[in-house]
Amino acid sequence: MNKVKVRYEAASLMELQEKGRVIAVVKGMEIGIFLVKGNLHAWRNVCPHAAAPVCVGVVCGTRLPSMVYEYQYGREQEIVRCPWHGWEFDLTNGQHLADPNVRLRGYEVETEGDQVYVLI
């Protein structure tokens, strides 16, 4: 049986364009909504490691695979780093960068006009 998802008002598109992220409270849960390369992504503000508020962490890039003694940095503004222990997550798919079996809890996002909605 498919459960019908309900749409909740979470933020304005203008606010997301200005700030890059908004932490919204939806149904008593904090959900981080991020604007990454023109696309919206919503993640529960709970790190799977130790329940830290992961969505308030630094939005940055990360080290890329490279040869020995080389240091390549990339994926700027696509990674969120947990403020408690530094775990890094891909903002486009919620996946932990070091362990593909660990991921953030995600939610669908819709827009209508300037309004951003989270579907739960």
Protein backbone atom coordinates (compact mmCIF):
# COMPACT_ATOMS: atom_id res chain seq x y z
CA MET A 1 0.00 0.00 0.00
CA ASN A 2 1.41 3.40 -1.02
CA LYS A 3 1.25 6.05 1.64
CA VAL A 4 0.14 9.46 0.41
CA LYS A 5 2.75 12.12 1.10
CA VAL A 6 1.70 15.47 2.50
CA ARG A 7 3.27 18.71 1.29
CA TYR A 8 4.55 21.11 3.99
CA GLU A 9 5.60 24.71 3.44
CA ALA A 10 9.26 24.94 4.41
CA ALA A 11 11.02 27.98 2.94
CA SER A 12 11.01 30.55 0.18
CA LEU A 13 13.08 30.07 -2.93
CA MET A 14 14.47 33.60 -2.53
CA GLU A 15 15.77 32.78 0.97
CA LEU A 16 17.44 29.62 -0.34
CA GLN A 17 19.04 31.51 -3.21
CA GLU A 18 20.41 34.10 -0.78
CA LYS A 19 21.62 31.71 1.96
CA GLY A 20 22.20 28.40 0.13
CA ARG A 21 20.41 26.49 2.91
CA VAL A 22 17.52 26.79 5.33
CA ILE A 23 16.80 24.69 8.40
CA ALA A 24 13.02 24.27 8.56
CA VAL A 25 10.90 22.60 11.24
CA VAL A 26 8.38 20.27 9.61
CA LYS A 27 6.14 18.02 11.73
CA GLY A 28 8.44 18.64 14.70
CA MET A 29 11.57 17.59 12.76
CA GLU A 30 14.43 19.82 11.66
CA ILE A 31 15.06 19.43 7.93
CA GLY A 32 17.92 21.12 6.10
CA ILE A 33 17.01 22.30 2.61
CA PHE A 34 20.00 23.00 0.38
CA LEU A 35 20.35 24.64 -3.01
CA VAL A 36 23.15 22.78 -4.82
CA LYS A 37 23.97 23.75 -8.40
CA GLY A 38 20.41 24.94 -8.98
CA ASN A 39 18.74 21.84 -7.48
CA LEU A 40 16.97 21.54 -4.13
CA HIS A 41 17.78 18.73 -1.68
CA ALA A 42 16.24 18.12 1.76
CA TRP A 43 17.89 16.11 4.56
CA ARG A 44 16.88 15.37 8.14
CA ASN A 45 19.10 17.40 10.46
CA VAL A 46 20.42 14.28 12.24
CA CYS A 47 23.82 12.74 11.56
CA PRO A 48 23.56 8.91 11.44
CA HIS A 49 26.81 8.67 13.42
CA ALA A 50 25.94 10.42 16.69
CA ALA A 51 22.70 12.35 16.03
CA ALA A 52 24.51 15.68 15.60
CA PRO A 53 22.77 18.56 13.78
CA VAL A 54 24.55 17.72 10.52
CA CYS A 55 22.74 20.30 8.37
CA VAL A 56 24.29 23.21 10.28
CA GLY A 57 27.78 21.97 9.39
CA VAL A 58 30.13 23.63 6.95
CA VAL A 59 29.10 23.37 3.30
CA CYS A 60 32.31 22.85 1.39
CA GLY A 61 34.17 20.63 -1.05
CA THR A 62 36.41 17.67 -0.33
CA ARG A 63 39.61 15.95 -1.33
CA LEU A 64 39.32 14.06 -4.59
CA PRO A 65 40.96 10.74 -5.47
CA SER A 66 44.49 11.52 -6.67
CA MET A 67 47.97 10.12 -7.04
CA VAL A 68 50.32 9.66 -4.09
CA TYR A 69 51.65 13.03 -2.80
CA GLU A 70 49.05 14.92 -4.83
CA TYR A 71 46.27 16.91 -3.23
CA GLN A 72 43.22 17.68 -5.33
CA TYR A 73 40.25 19.54 -3.95
CA GLY A 74 36.87 19.72 -5.65
CA ARG A 75 33.09 19.40 -5.45
CA GLU A 76 32.90 22.85 -3.85
CA GLN A 77 29.50 23.58 -2.21
CA GLU A 78 28.37 19.93 -2.72
CA ILE A 79 29.47 18.50 0.65
CA VAL A 80 28.23 19.09 4.20
CA ARG A 81 30.65 18.32 7.03
CA CYS A 82 29.11 17.28 10.35
CA PRO A 83 30.03 19.82 13.03
CA TRP A 84 30.70 17.22 15.74
CA HIS A 85 33.02 14.65 14.18
CA GLY A 86 33.69 15.85 10.64
CA TRP A 87 31.79 13.15 8.76
CA GLU A 88 31.25 14.33 5.18
CA PHE A 89 28.05 13.78 3.20
CA ASP A 90 27.22 14.40 -0.46
CA LEU A 91 24.41 16.97 -0.53
CA THR A 92 23.08 15.65 -3.86
CA ASN A 93 22.38 12.10 -2.66
CA GLY A 94 22.94 12.07 1.14
CA GLN A 95 25.67 9.44 0.92
CA HIS A 96 28.60 9.40 3.36
CA LEU A 97 31.80 9.92 1.37
CA ALA A 98 33.75 7.08 3.00
CA ASP A 99 31.02 4.49 3.58
CA PRO A 100 28.36 4.13 0.85
CA ASN A 101 26.12 2.18 3.27
CA VAL A 102 25.66 5.27 5.48
CA ARG A 103 23.45 8.09 4.31
CA LEU A 104 21.32 10.97 5.48
CA ARG A 105 17.53 10.62 5.59
CA GLY A 106 16.17 12.49 2.59
CA TYR A 107 12.85 14.04 1.62
CA GLU A 108 11.29 15.06 -1.66
CA VAL A 109 11.14 18.78 -2.39
CA GLU A 110 8.74 20.71 -4.63
CA THR A 111 8.42 24.35 -5.56
CA GLU A 112 5.39 26.40 -6.50
CA GLY A 113 6.05 30.01 -7.31
CA ASP A 114 8.53 31.26 -4.69
CA GLN A 115 7.48 28.66 -2.11
CA VAL A 116 9.48 25.50 -1.31
CA TYR A 117 7.65 22.47 0.06
CA VAL A 118 8.90 19.26 1.69
CA LEU A 119 6.90 16.07 1.10
CA ILE A 120 6.55 13.70 4.05
